[in-house]
Protein backbone atom coordinates (compact mmCIF):
# COMPACT_ATOMS: atom_id res chain seq x y z
CA MET A 1 12.15 17.06 -24.13
CA LYS A 2 12.46 18.45 -20.54
CA THR A 3 9.91 20.76 -19.47
CA LYS A 4 10.16 23.29 -16.26
CA MET A 5 6.99 24.11 -14.04
CA LEU A 6 6.21 27.41 -13.75
CA ARG A 7 4.38 27.31 -10.03
CA GLN A 8 5.20 25.75 -7.25
CA PRO A 9 3.21 22.44 -6.46
CA THR A 10 0.83 22.54 -3.65
CA PRO A 11 2.78 21.18 -0.43
CA PRO A 12 1.11 18.15 1.20
CA GLY A 13 1.09 19.85 4.21
CA GLU A 14 -1.54 22.26 2.59
CA ILE A 15 -3.20 19.00 1.31
CA LEU A 16 -3.78 17.96 4.33
CA LEU A 17 -5.12 21.22 6.43
CA HIS A 18 -7.49 22.24 3.68
CA GLU A 19 -8.61 18.97 2.43
CA PHE A 20 -8.66 16.84 4.96
CA LEU A 21 -8.26 18.41 8.59
CA ILE A 22 -10.06 21.20 8.20
CA PRO A 23 -13.42 19.26 6.23
CA LEU A 24 -13.48 16.64 8.61
CA GLY A 25 -13.16 19.08 11.54
CA VAL A 26 -10.57 17.78 13.25
CA SER A 27 -7.71 19.82 14.44
CA GLN A 28 -3.89 19.44 14.63
CA SER A 29 -3.57 18.45 18.14
CA ALA A 30 -6.42 15.87 17.53
CA PHE A 31 -4.79 14.44 14.60
CA ALA A 32 -1.61 13.85 16.30
CA ARG A 33 -3.09 12.27 19.59
CA HIS A 34 -5.22 10.21 16.98
CA VAL A 35 -2.22 8.86 15.29
CA GLY A 36 0.30 8.83 18.32
CA TRP A 37 2.41 11.73 17.12
CA THR A 38 3.30 15.38 18.73
CA GLN A 39 1.22 18.21 17.66
CA PRO A 40 4.47 19.68 16.51
CA LYS A 41 5.39 17.14 14.22
CA VAL A 42 2.01 17.58 12.46
CA ASN A 43 2.56 21.38 12.50
CA GLU A 44 5.56 21.06 10.94
CA ILE A 45 4.26 19.10 8.05
CA VAL A 46 1.27 21.94 7.77
CA THR A 47 3.66 24.81 7.81
CA GLY A 48 6.17 22.74 5.53
CA LYS A 49 8.87 22.49 7.51
CA ARG A 50 8.96 18.44 7.36
CA GLY A 51 8.51 16.69 4.35
CA ILE A 52 6.20 13.47 3.73
CA THR A 53 8.51 10.12 4.19
CA PRO A 54 7.15 6.77 3.52
CA GLU A 55 6.30 6.01 6.86
CA THR A 56 4.12 9.51 7.31
CA ALA A 57 2.36 8.45 3.91
CA MET A 58 1.19 5.08 5.03
CA VAL A 59 0.09 6.73 8.30
CA PHE A 60 -2.04 9.34 6.56
CA ALA A 61 -2.85 6.42 3.81
CA ASP A 62 -4.38 4.64 6.78
CA ALA A 63 -6.18 7.61 8.24
CA PHE A 64 -7.83 8.95 5.42
CA ASN A 65 -8.39 6.19 3.24
CA THR A 66 -6.05 6.74 0.55
CA THR A 67 -3.17 5.70 -1.01
CA PRO A 68 0.71 5.94 0.26
CA GLN A 69 1.25 6.77 -3.51
CA LEU A 70 -0.83 10.23 -3.45
CA TRP A 71 1.23 11.80 -0.44
CA LEU A 72 4.60 10.51 -1.83
CA ASN A 73 3.96 12.23 -5.03
CA LEU A 74 2.70 15.61 -3.72
CA GLN A 75 6.22 15.54 -1.93
CA LEU A 76 8.18 14.36 -4.97
CA SER A 77 6.67 16.68 -7.07
CA LEU A 78 7.41 19.82 -4.38
CA ASP A 79 11.01 18.35 -4.30
CA LEU A 80 11.55 18.16 -8.01
CA TRP A 81 10.28 21.66 -8.27
CA ARG A 82 12.34 23.15 -5.34
CA ALA A 83 15.37 21.27 -7.21
CA GLN A 84 14.67 22.96 -10.49
CA GLN A 85 14.83 26.20 -9.30
CA LYS A 86 18.20 25.56 -7.77
CA HIS A 87 19.71 23.44 -11.04
CA LYS A 88 22.58 24.78 -13.28
CA PRO A 89 21.89 22.52 -16.59
CA VAL A 90 24.98 20.80 -17.77
CA LYS A 91 25.95 19.84 -21.37
CA ARG A 92 24.19 16.83 -22.57
CA LEU A 93 26.50 13.83 -22.52
CA ALA A 94 27.39 12.78 -26.32
CA GLY A 95 28.71 9.17 -27.56
CA ILE A 96 31.43 8.51 -25.01
CA ALA A 97 32.79 5.28 -25.82
CA SER A 98 34.04 2.87 -23.23
């Protein structure tokens, strides 16, 4: 049985900002310098304009002692929720003989 998520999952950029950067007292600019990125790239992740890629997830995992799966799962949950909002259901495929 399919269930539809009612509320939008927390975007990974919000988790980055509110659960990691702010508690650590690290600015977006300082984090960008630390990982060798530009500040606009970090800001695009924080504001949700850029998603989490496997490469990004590995950098976050290294920097924050987490797993890449944490970051990828956050992104996947958000992507699935967004897809559900646009999805037009199709009839179930029933017993087509090959």
